[in-house]
Amino acid sequence: MENRLLKAEGSLRFFAIVFLVLTAVLVRLDTETKLIFISERKATYKDIKALVILVTVDFAVAGFHLLQLSKCLILASVGGKTVGSSTNLTWLSFLLDQMVTYVSFGILSASTQAAVLAITGESHLEWTKLCDKYTRFCYQIGGALFCGVASLLVMVLITSISAFNLFRLYSHNHFLILKGR
């Protein structure tokens, strides 16, 4: 049972890494140049600060999941048996998974809000619609944000497995009392 759970967690972490790196690379490499009036104007991810933070956070979260994936591979290779008391490590893994998921959700929400402003503009602040001029740029950002949502859904599943791994260590009869070994 534990070995199958480790394999499932490892597979989900692998898919999270793929989606996170895909999101960051699509955003980072997205540029479009247009001739506006007599000058060339280039749209890049650096024009929207939320996208700059998204790239940084996604690479950092992918690195975290890579470390956790290596933990899953090592534990699976020794048959899923942990050495010594693992309650503290399980708590740490659970809390870090929660933190990473919430940070990813926050930055993805901010990036989506910035993308919506790029599509609709804001007449009261005299912000023009960026996507009227740079359509390919906006489509690629939309695809990248879709990959970000996919990574977020995978991270929710990972967090669920992490919560299961933590709370199965505790007794079902008494609140937060460790099971006897």
N, C-alpha and C. Protein backbone atom coordinates (compact mmCIF):
# COMPACT_ATOMS: atom_id res chain seq x y z
N MET A 1 0.83 -1.20 0.00
CA MET A 1 0.00 0.00 0.00
C MET A 1 0.87 1.26 0.00
N GLU A 2 1.86 1.29 0.90
CA GLU A 2 2.68 2.48 1.01
C GLU A 2 3.54 2.69 -0.23
N ASN A 3 4.00 1.59 -0.83
CA ASN A 3 4.82 1.70 -2.03
C ASN A 3 4.00 2.23 -3.20
N ARG A 4 2.74 1.78 -3.31
CA ARG A 4 1.86 2.30 -4.38
C ARG A 4 1.56 3.77 -4.17
N LEU A 5 1.39 4.18 -2.91
CA LEU A 5 1.14 5.59 -2.60
C LEU A 5 2.35 6.45 -2.95
N LEU A 6 3.55 5.93 -2.69
CA LEU A 6 4.77 6.65 -3.05
C LEU A 6 4.90 6.80 -4.56
N LYS A 7 4.55 5.75 -5.30
CA LYS A 7 4.60 5.81 -6.76
C LYS A 7 3.59 6.81 -7.30
N ALA A 8 2.40 6.83 -6.72
CA ALA A 8 1.38 7.79 -7.16
C ALA A 8 1.83 9.22 -6.85
N GLU A 9 2.37 9.42 -5.65
CA GLU A 9 2.86 10.76 -5.29
C GLU A 9 4.01 11.17 -6.19
N GLY A 10 4.91 10.25 -6.48
CA GLY A 10 6.03 10.55 -7.37
C GLY A 10 5.56 10.90 -8.78
N SER A 11 4.58 10.17 -9.28
CA SER A 11 4.03 10.47 -10.61
C SER A 11 3.38 11.84 -10.64
N LEU A 12 2.61 12.15 -9.61
CA LEU A 12 1.96 13.47 -9.55
C LEU A 12 2.99 14.59 -9.45
N ARG A 13 4.03 14.37 -8.67
CA ARG A 13 5.08 15.39 -8.57
C ARG A 13 5.79 15.58 -9.90
N PHE A 14 5.99 14.49 -10.65
CA PHE A 14 6.60 14.60 -11.97
C PHE A 14 5.71 15.45 -12.89
N PHE A 15 4.41 15.19 -12.90
CA PHE A 15 3.50 15.97 -13.74
C PHE A 15 3.44 17.43 -13.30
N ALA A 16 3.52 17.66 -11.99
CA ALA A 16 3.55 19.04 -11.49
C ALA A 16 4.78 19.76 -12.00
N ILE A 17 5.92 19.08 -11.98
CA ILE A 17 7.17 19.68 -12.48
C ILE A 17 7.03 20.02 -13.96
N VAL A 18 6.48 19.09 -14.73
CA VAL A 18 6.33 19.31 -16.17
C VAL A 18 5.43 20.53 -16.43
N PHE A 19 4.29 20.59 -15.76
CA PHE A 19 3.37 21.72 -15.98
C PHE A 19 3.95 23.04 -15.49
N LEU A 20 4.65 23.02 -14.35
CA LEU A 20 5.25 24.25 -13.83
C LEU A 20 6.35 24.78 -14.75
N VAL A 21 7.22 23.88 -15.20
CA VAL A 21 8.29 24.31 -16.11
C VAL A 21 7.71 24.76 -17.44
N LEU A 22 6.69 24.06 -17.93
CA LEU A 22 6.04 24.47 -19.17
C LEU A 22 5.42 25.86 -19.04
N THR A 23 4.76 26.11 -17.92
CA THR A 23 4.18 27.44 -17.68
C THR A 23 5.26 28.51 -17.68
N ALA A 24 6.33 28.28 -16.91
CA ALA A 24 7.39 29.28 -16.79
C ALA A 24 8.10 29.52 -18.13
N VAL A 25 8.35 28.45 -18.88
CA VAL A 25 9.06 28.60 -20.15
C VAL A 25 8.18 29.31 -21.18
N LEU A 26 6.89 28.94 -21.24
CA LEU A 26 5.99 29.61 -22.18
C LEU A 26 5.89 31.11 -21.90
N VAL A 27 5.78 31.47 -20.63
CA VAL A 27 5.70 32.89 -20.28
C VAL A 27 7.02 33.58 -20.56
N ARG A 28 8.11 32.95 -20.16
CA ARG A 28 9.44 33.57 -20.28
C ARG A 28 9.84 33.81 -21.73
N LEU A 29 9.51 32.89 -22.62
CA LEU A 29 9.93 33.01 -24.02
C LEU A 29 8.92 33.73 -24.90
N ASP A 30 7.83 34.18 -24.34
CA ASP A 30 6.78 34.83 -25.12
C ASP A 30 7.14 36.29 -25.41
N THR A 31 7.30 36.60 -26.68
CA THR A 31 7.51 37.98 -27.12
C THR A 31 6.78 38.19 -28.44
N GLU A 32 6.44 39.41 -28.69
CA GLU A 32 5.86 39.78 -29.99
C GLU A 32 6.25 41.23 -30.28
N THR A 33 6.69 41.45 -31.50
CA THR A 33 7.10 42.79 -31.93
C THR A 33 6.13 43.29 -32.98
N LYS A 34 5.67 44.52 -32.81
CA LYS A 34 4.75 45.15 -33.76
C LYS A 34 5.27 46.54 -34.13
N LEU A 35 4.96 46.94 -35.34
CA LEU A 35 5.27 48.30 -35.78
C LEU A 35 4.06 49.17 -35.46
N ILE A 36 4.24 50.07 -34.50
CA ILE A 36 3.16 50.97 -34.08
C ILE A 36 3.59 52.37 -34.47
N PHE A 37 2.79 52.97 -35.34
CA PHE A 37 3.11 54.24 -35.96
C PHE A 37 4.45 54.12 -36.69
N ILE A 38 5.50 54.73 -36.18
CA ILE A 38 6.78 54.64 -36.88
C ILE A 38 7.85 53.90 -36.08
N SER A 39 7.49 53.42 -34.91
CA SER A 39 8.48 52.72 -34.08
C SER A 39 8.04 51.29 -33.81
N GLU A 40 9.02 50.45 -33.61
CA GLU A 40 8.72 49.07 -33.25
C GLU A 40 8.55 48.97 -31.75
N ARG A 41 7.52 48.27 -31.35
CA ARG A 41 7.24 48.06 -29.92
C ARG A 41 7.21 46.56 -29.67
N LYS A 42 7.88 46.14 -28.60
CA LYS A 42 7.99 44.73 -28.29
C LYS A 42 7.27 44.43 -26.98
N ALA A 43 6.39 43.43 -27.01
CA ALA A 43 5.70 42.99 -25.80
C ALA A 43 6.41 41.76 -25.26
N THR A 44 6.79 41.81 -23.99
CA THR A 44 7.42 40.67 -23.33
C THR A 44 6.75 40.45 -21.98
N TYR A 45 7.11 39.37 -21.34
CA TYR A 45 6.55 39.08 -20.03
C TYR A 45 6.98 40.12 -19.00
N LYS A 46 8.07 40.84 -19.26
CA LYS A 46 8.55 41.85 -18.32
C LYS A 46 7.64 43.08 -18.27
N ASP A 47 6.74 43.21 -19.24
CA ASP A 47 5.80 44.34 -19.24
C ASP A 47 4.74 44.20 -18.15
N ILE A 48 4.50 42.97 -17.70
CA ILE A 48 3.50 42.70 -16.67
C ILE A 48 4.24 42.07 -15.49
N LYS A 49 4.37 42.82 -14.40
CA LYS A 49 5.19 42.39 -13.26
C LYS A 49 4.71 41.08 -12.64
N ALA A 50 3.41 40.82 -12.69
CA ALA A 50 2.90 39.56 -12.14
C ALA A 50 3.45 38.37 -12.91
N LEU A 51 3.70 38.53 -14.19
CA LEU A 51 4.26 37.43 -14.99
C LEU A 51 5.72 37.18 -14.65
N VAL A 52 6.45 38.24 -14.31
CA VAL A 52 7.85 38.08 -13.89
C VAL A 52 7.90 37.26 -12.60
N ILE A 53 7.02 37.58 -11.66
CA ILE A 53 6.96 36.83 -10.41
C ILE A 53 6.48 35.40 -10.66
N LEU A 54 5.54 35.22 -11.59
CA LEU A 54 5.05 33.89 -11.92
C LEU A 54 6.17 32.99 -12.41
N VAL A 55 7.03 33.51 -13.28
CA VAL A 55 8.16 32.72 -13.79
C VAL A 55 9.08 32.31 -12.65
N THR A 56 9.42 33.24 -11.79
CA THR A 56 10.32 32.96 -10.67
C THR A 56 9.71 31.93 -9.71
N VAL A 57 8.47 32.14 -9.34
CA VAL A 57 7.80 31.23 -8.40
C VAL A 57 7.64 29.84 -9.01
N ASP A 58 7.27 29.76 -10.28
CA ASP A 58 7.08 28.45 -10.90
C ASP A 58 8.38 27.66 -10.96
N PHE A 59 9.49 28.31 -11.27
CA PHE A 59 10.77 27.60 -11.27
C PHE A 59 11.15 27.16 -9.86
N ALA A 60 10.89 28.00 -8.86
CA ALA A 60 11.21 27.63 -7.48
C ALA A 60 10.34 26.47 -7.01
N VAL A 61 9.05 26.50 -7.33
CA VAL A 61 8.14 25.42 -6.94
C VAL A 61 8.50 24.12 -7.67
N ALA A 62 8.91 24.22 -8.93
CA ALA A 62 9.34 23.04 -9.66
C ALA A 62 10.59 22.43 -9.01
N GLY A 63 11.49 23.28 -8.53
CA GLY A 63 12.66 22.79 -7.81
C GLY A 63 12.28 22.08 -6.52
N PHE A 64 11.31 22.62 -5.80
CA PHE A 64 10.82 21.98 -4.58
C PHE A 64 10.25 20.60 -4.90
N HIS A 65 9.42 20.53 -5.94
CA HIS A 65 8.82 19.25 -6.29
C HIS A 65 9.87 18.26 -6.80
N LEU A 66 10.94 18.75 -7.41
CA LEU A 66 12.02 17.87 -7.83
C LEU A 66 12.71 17.24 -6.62
N LEU A 67 12.93 18.04 -5.57
CA LEU A 67 13.50 17.50 -4.33
C LEU A 67 12.57 16.47 -3.70
N GLN A 68 11.28 16.78 -3.67
CA GLN A 68 10.31 15.84 -3.10
C GLN A 68 10.19 14.58 -3.96
N LEU A 69 10.31 14.72 -5.28
CA LEU A 69 10.29 13.56 -6.16
C LEU A 69 11.48 12.66 -5.88
N SER A 70 12.64 13.25 -5.64
CA SER A 70 13.81 12.43 -5.32
C SER A 70 13.60 11.71 -3.99
N LYS A 71 12.92 12.35 -3.03
CA LYS A 71 12.59 11.68 -1.76
C LYS A 71 11.68 10.49 -2.02
N CYS A 72 10.68 10.67 -2.88
CA CYS A 72 9.76 9.57 -3.21
C CYS A 72 10.50 8.42 -3.88
N LEU A 73 11.43 8.74 -4.78
CA LEU A 73 12.17 7.69 -5.48
C LEU A 73 13.09 6.92 -4.53
N ILE A 74 13.71 7.64 -3.61
CA ILE A 74 14.59 6.98 -2.64
C ILE A 74 13.79 6.08 -1.72
N LEU A 75 12.65 6.59 -1.21
CA LEU A 75 11.83 5.78 -0.31
C LEU A 75 11.23 4.58 -1.04
N ALA A 76 10.85 4.75 -2.30
CA ALA A 76 10.30 3.63 -3.06
C ALA A 76 11.37 2.57 -3.33
N SER A 77 12.61 3.00 -3.48
CA SER A 77 13.69 2.03 -3.75
C SER A 77 14.02 1.18 -2.54
N VAL A 78 13.76 1.70 -1.33
CA VAL A 78 14.01 0.91 -0.13
C VAL A 78 12.73 0.23 0.37
N GLY A 79 11.73 0.18 -0.48
CA GLY A 79 10.50 -0.54 -0.14
C GLY A 79 9.49 0.28 0.64
N GLY A 80 9.65 1.59 0.68
CA GLY A 80 8.67 2.45 1.36
C GLY A 80 8.86 2.53 2.85
N LYS A 81 9.89 1.90 3.37
CA LYS A 81 10.13 1.92 4.81
C LYS A 81 10.92 3.16 5.18
N THR A 82 10.42 3.90 6.14
CA THR A 82 11.14 5.09 6.61
C THR A 82 11.98 4.71 7.82
N VAL A 83 13.07 5.41 7.98
CA VAL A 83 14.00 5.13 9.06
C VAL A 83 13.68 6.03 10.24
N GLY A 84 13.50 5.44 11.42
CA GLY A 84 13.28 6.22 12.62
C GLY A 84 11.90 6.86 12.65
N SER A 85 11.77 7.88 13.50
CA SER A 85 10.51 8.60 13.64
C SER A 85 10.36 9.57 12.48
N SER A 86 9.29 9.42 11.75
CA SER A 86 9.10 10.27 10.58
C SER A 86 7.96 11.27 10.77
N THR A 87 7.43 11.39 11.97
CA THR A 87 6.31 12.29 12.20
C THR A 87 6.68 13.73 11.90
N ASN A 88 7.84 14.15 12.37
CA ASN A 88 8.26 15.53 12.13
C ASN A 88 8.49 15.80 10.65
N LEU A 89 9.10 14.84 9.95
CA LEU A 89 9.33 15.01 8.52
C LEU A 89 8.02 15.00 7.74
N THR A 90 7.07 14.20 8.20
CA THR A 90 5.76 14.16 7.54
C THR A 90 5.02 15.48 7.74
N TRP A 91 5.11 16.04 8.94
CA TRP A 91 4.52 17.36 9.19
C TRP A 91 5.19 18.42 8.31
N LEU A 92 6.53 18.39 8.23
CA LEU A 92 7.25 19.36 7.41
C LEU A 92 6.85 19.24 5.94
N SER A 93 6.76 18.03 5.46
CA SER A 93 6.37 17.81 4.07
C SER A 93 4.96 18.32 3.82
N PHE A 94 4.05 18.04 4.74
CA PHE A 94 2.67 18.51 4.62
C PHE A 94 2.59 20.03 4.59
N LEU A 95 3.28 20.68 5.53
CA LEU A 95 3.23 22.14 5.61
C LEU A 95 3.88 22.80 4.39
N LEU A 96 4.99 22.23 3.92
CA LEU A 96 5.64 22.78 2.72
C LEU A 96 4.77 22.58 1.48
N ASP A 97 4.13 21.42 1.37
CA ASP A 97 3.21 21.20 0.25
C ASP A 97 2.06 22.21 0.27
N GLN A 98 1.52 22.45 1.46
CA GLN A 98 0.44 23.43 1.60
C GLN A 98 0.92 24.82 1.19
N MET A 99 2.08 25.22 1.71
CA MET A 99 2.61 26.55 1.44
C MET A 99 2.87 26.75 -0.06
N VAL A 100 3.49 25.77 -0.68
CA VAL A 100 3.81 25.86 -2.10
C VAL A 100 2.54 25.95 -2.94
N THR A 101 1.53 25.17 -2.57
CA THR A 101 0.27 25.19 -3.31
C THR A 101 -0.42 26.54 -3.18
N TYR A 102 -0.46 27.09 -1.98
CA TYR A 102 -1.12 28.39 -1.78
C TYR A 102 -0.36 29.53 -2.45
N VAL A 103 0.96 29.50 -2.40
CA VAL A 103 1.75 30.54 -3.07
C VAL A 103 1.54 30.46 -4.58
N SER A 104 1.52 29.24 -5.11
CA SER A 104 1.26 29.07 -6.55
C SER A 104 -0.13 29.56 -6.93
N PHE A 105 -1.10 29.26 -6.08
CA PHE A 105 -2.46 29.74 -6.34
C PHE A 105 -2.52 31.26 -6.33
N GLY A 106 -1.85 31.88 -5.38
CA GLY A 106 -1.87 33.34 -5.29
C GLY A 106 -1.24 34.01 -6.49
N ILE A 107 -0.09 33.53 -6.92
CA ILE A 107 0.58 34.18 -8.05
C ILE A 107 -0.13 33.87 -9.35
N LEU A 108 -0.73 32.68 -9.46
CA LEU A 108 -1.51 32.37 -10.66
C LEU A 108 -2.76 33.25 -10.73
N SER A 109 -3.37 33.52 -9.59
CA SER A 109 -4.53 34.41 -9.56
C SER A 109 -4.14 35.84 -9.95
N ALA A 110 -3.02 36.31 -9.44
CA ALA A 110 -2.56 37.65 -9.78
C ALA A 110 -2.21 37.75 -11.26
N SER A 111 -1.58 36.71 -11.80
CA SER A 111 -1.23 36.70 -13.23
C SER A 111 -2.47 36.66 -14.10
N THR A 112 -3.46 35.90 -13.68
CA THR A 112 -4.72 35.84 -14.43
C THR A 112 -5.42 37.18 -14.41
N GLN A 113 -5.41 37.85 -13.27
CA GLN A 113 -6.01 39.18 -13.18
C GLN A 113 -5.29 40.16 -14.10
N ALA A 114 -3.97 40.10 -14.13
CA ALA A 114 -3.20 40.98 -15.02
C ALA A 114 -3.50 40.66 -16.48
N ALA A 115 -3.67 39.38 -16.80
CA ALA A 115 -4.00 38.99 -18.17
C ALA A 115 -5.38 39.48 -18.57
N VAL A 116 -6.33 39.44 -17.65
CA VAL A 116 -7.67 39.95 -17.94
C VAL A 116 -7.61 41.45 -18.18
N LEU A 117 -6.80 42.16 -17.40
CA LEU A 117 -6.64 43.60 -17.65
C LEU A 117 -5.99 43.86 -19.00
N ALA A 118 -5.10 42.99 -19.43
CA ALA A 118 -4.48 43.14 -20.75
C ALA A 118 -5.50 42.91 -21.86
N ILE A 119 -6.48 42.06 -21.60
CA ILE A 119 -7.52 41.80 -22.60
C ILE A 119 -8.55 42.93 -22.64
N THR A 120 -9.01 43.35 -21.46
CA THR A 120 -10.11 44.32 -21.40
C THR A 120 -9.66 45.78 -21.34
N GLY A 121 -8.47 46.02 -20.78
CA GLY A 121 -8.03 47.40 -20.58
C GLY A 121 -8.79 48.02 -19.42
N GLU A 122 -8.48 49.26 -19.12
CA GLU A 122 -9.18 50.00 -18.07
C GLU A 122 -9.28 51.45 -18.51
N SER A 123 -10.47 51.83 -18.95
CA SER A 123 -10.66 53.16 -19.53
C SER A 123 -10.49 54.28 -18.49
N HIS A 124 -10.86 54.03 -17.24
CA HIS A 124 -10.75 55.06 -16.20
C HIS A 124 -9.29 55.40 -15.90
N LEU A 125 -8.41 54.45 -16.06
CA LEU A 125 -6.98 54.68 -15.83
C LEU A 125 -6.22 54.93 -17.13
N GLU A 126 -6.95 54.94 -18.24
CA GLU A 126 -6.40 55.15 -19.57
C GLU A 126 -5.40 54.05 -19.95
N TRP A 127 -5.69 52.82 -19.53
CA TRP A 127 -4.90 51.67 -19.95
C TRP A 127 -5.55 51.09 -21.20
N THR A 128 -4.78 50.96 -22.25
CA THR A 128 -5.34 50.42 -23.49
C THR A 128 -5.35 48.89 -23.43
N LYS A 129 -6.11 48.33 -24.33
CA LYS A 129 -6.18 46.87 -24.43
C LYS A 129 -4.91 46.37 -25.11
N LEU A 130 -4.07 45.69 -24.35
CA LEU A 130 -2.81 45.18 -24.86
C LEU A 130 -3.03 44.10 -25.91
N CYS A 131 -4.07 43.30 -25.72
CA CYS A 131 -4.30 42.16 -26.60
C CYS A 131 -4.87 42.55 -27.96
N ASP A 132 -5.33 43.79 -28.11
CA ASP A 132 -5.75 44.25 -29.43
C ASP A 132 -4.54 44.39 -30.36
N LYS A 133 -3.41 44.73 -29.80
CA LYS A 133 -2.20 44.95 -30.60
C LYS A 133 -1.32 43.70 -30.67
N TYR A 134 -1.28 42.94 -29.59
CA TYR A 134 -0.37 41.79 -29.49
C TYR A 134 -1.18 40.51 -29.26
N THR A 135 -1.85 40.04 -30.27
CA THR A 135 -2.76 38.89 -30.11
C THR A 135 -1.99 37.58 -29.87
N ARG A 136 -0.91 37.34 -30.62
CA ARG A 136 -0.16 36.10 -30.43
C ARG A 136 0.43 36.04 -29.03
N PHE A 137 0.93 37.15 -28.54
CA PHE A 137 1.46 37.24 -27.19
C PHE A 137 0.39 36.85 -26.17
N CYS A 138 -0.79 37.36 -26.35
CA CYS A 138 -1.87 37.08 -25.39
C CYS A 138 -2.34 35.63 -25.46
N TYR A 139 -2.40 35.06 -26.66
CA TYR A 139 -2.79 33.66 -26.77
C TYR A 139 -1.77 32.75 -26.08
N GLN A 140 -0.49 33.06 -26.23
CA GLN A 140 0.53 32.23 -25.60
C GLN A 140 0.49 32.38 -24.09
N ILE A 141 0.25 33.57 -23.59
CA ILE A 141 0.11 33.76 -22.14
C ILE A 141 -1.11 32.99 -21.64
N GLY A 142 -2.19 33.01 -22.41
CA GLY A 142 -3.38 32.24 -22.03
C GLY A 142 -3.09 30.76 -21.95
N GLY A 143 -2.34 30.23 -22.91
CA GLY A 143 -1.95 28.82 -22.86
C GLY A 143 -1.07 28.51 -21.67
N ALA A 144 -0.17 29.42 -21.36
CA ALA A 144 0.71 29.23 -20.21
C ALA A 144 -0.09 29.24 -18.91
N LEU A 145 -1.07 30.13 -18.80
CA LEU A 145 -1.91 30.18 -17.60
C LEU A 145 -2.76 28.92 -17.48
N PHE A 146 -3.17 28.35 -18.61
CA PHE A 146 -3.91 27.09 -18.60
C PHE A 146 -3.02 25.97 -18.04
N CYS A 147 -1.75 25.95 -18.45
CA CYS A 147 -0.80 24.97 -17.89
C CYS A 147 -0.60 25.21 -16.40
N GLY A 148 -0.63 26.48 -15.99
CA GLY A 148 -0.51 26.80 -14.57
C GLY A 148 -1.69 26.27 -13.77
N VAL A 149 -2.89 26.35 -14.35
CA VAL A 149 -4.06 25.80 -13.67
C VAL A 149 -3.94 24.28 -13.56
N ALA A 150 -3.44 23.64 -14.63
CA ALA A 150 -3.24 22.18 -14.58
C ALA A 150 -2.24 21.82 -13.48
N SER A 151 -1.16 22.60 -13.36
CA SER A 151 -0.18 22.31 -12.31
C SER A 151 -0.79 22.51 -10.93
N LEU A 152 -1.65 23.49 -10.81
CA LEU A 152 -2.30 23.75 -9.53
C LEU A 152 -3.22 22.59 -9.14
N LEU A 153 -3.96 22.06 -10.10
CA LEU A 153 -4.83 20.91 -9.81
C LEU A 153 -4.02 19.69 -9.39
N VAL A 154 -2.88 19.48 -10.03
CA VAL A 154 -2.01 18.37 -9.65
C VAL A 154 -1.46 18.60 -8.23
N MET A 155 -1.11 19.84 -7.91
CA MET A 155 -0.58 20.13 -6.58
C MET A 155 -1.65 19.95 -5.49
N VAL A 156 -2.91 20.18 -5.83
CA VAL A 156 -3.99 19.91 -4.87
C VAL A 156 -4.06 18.41 -4.57
N LEU A 157 -3.90 17.59 -5.59
CA LEU A 157 -3.87 16.14 -5.37
C LEU A 157 -2.67 15.73 -4.53
N ILE A 158 -1.52 16.35 -4.79
CA ILE A 158 -0.32 16.06 -4.00
C ILE A 158 -0.54 16.44 -2.54
N THR A 159 -1.17 17.58 -2.32
CA THR A 159 -1.44 18.02 -0.96
C THR A 159 -2.40 17.06 -0.25
N SER A 160 -3.34 16.51 -1.00
CA SER A 160 -4.25 15.53 -0.41
C SER A 160 -3.51 14.27 0.02
N ILE A 161 -2.59 13.81 -0.81
CA ILE A 161 -1.78 12.64 -0.44
C ILE A 161 -0.90 12.96 0.76
N SER A 162 -0.34 14.16 0.79
CA SER A 162 0.49 14.57 1.91
C SER A 162 -0.32 14.62 3.21
N ALA A 163 -1.55 15.11 3.13
CA ALA A 163 -2.42 15.14 4.30
C ALA A 163 -2.77 13.72 4.75
N PHE A 164 -3.03 12.83 3.80
CA PHE A 164 -3.32 11.44 4.14
C PHE A 164 -2.12 10.80 4.84
N ASN A 165 -0.92 11.04 4.29
CA ASN A 165 0.29 10.48 4.90
C ASN A 165 0.49 10.98 6.32
N LEU A 166 0.12 12.22 6.58
CA LEU A 166 0.28 12.77 7.92
C LEU A 166 -0.76 12.24 8.88
N PHE A 167 -2.03 12.33 8.51
CA PHE A 167 -3.09 12.03 9.47
C PHE A 167 -3.34 10.55 9.65
N ARG A 168 -2.74 9.69 8.84
CA ARG A 168 -2.86 8.26 9.11
C ARG A 168 -1.93 7.83 10.24
N LEU A 169 -1.01 8.71 10.63
CA LEU A 169 -0.13 8.41 11.75
C LEU A 169 -0.84 8.60 13.10
N TYR A 170 -1.98 9.26 13.09
CA TYR A 170 -2.69 9.59 14.33
C TYR A 170 -3.87 8.66 14.54
N SER A 171 -4.24 8.48 15.80
CA SER A 171 -5.33 7.61 16.18
C SER A 171 -6.66 8.19 15.73
N HIS A 172 -7.57 7.33 15.34
CA HIS A 172 -8.89 7.81 14.95
C HIS A 172 -9.79 7.99 16.17
N ASN A 173 -9.39 7.47 17.32
CA ASN A 173 -10.19 7.59 18.54
C ASN A 173 -9.91 8.87 19.31
N HIS A 174 -8.67 9.34 19.25
CA HIS A 174 -8.27 10.52 20.03
C HIS A 174 -7.69 11.55 19.08
N PHE A 175 -8.07 12.80 19.30
CA PHE A 175 -7.63 13.89 18.42
C PHE A 175 -6.14 14.13 18.56
N LEU A 176 -5.40 13.99 17.45
CA LEU A 176 -3.96 14.25 17.34
C LEU A 176 -3.12 13.52 18.39
N ILE A 177 -3.49 12.29 18.67
CA ILE A 177 -2.67 11.41 19.51
C ILE A 177 -2.07 10.37 18.58
N LEU A 178 -0.74 10.25 18.62
CA LEU A 178 -0.06 9.31 17.74
C LEU A 178 -0.51 7.88 18.03
N LYS A 179 -0.62 7.08 16.97
CA LYS A 179 -0.93 5.67 17.14
C LYS A 179 0.23 4.99 17.82
N GLY A 180 -0.07 3.98 18.59
CA GLY A 180 0.99 3.19 19.21
C GLY A 180 1.70 2.34 18.18
N ARG A 181 2.98 2.19 18.32
CA ARG A 181 3.75 1.43 17.32
C ARG A 181 4.06 0.06 17.82
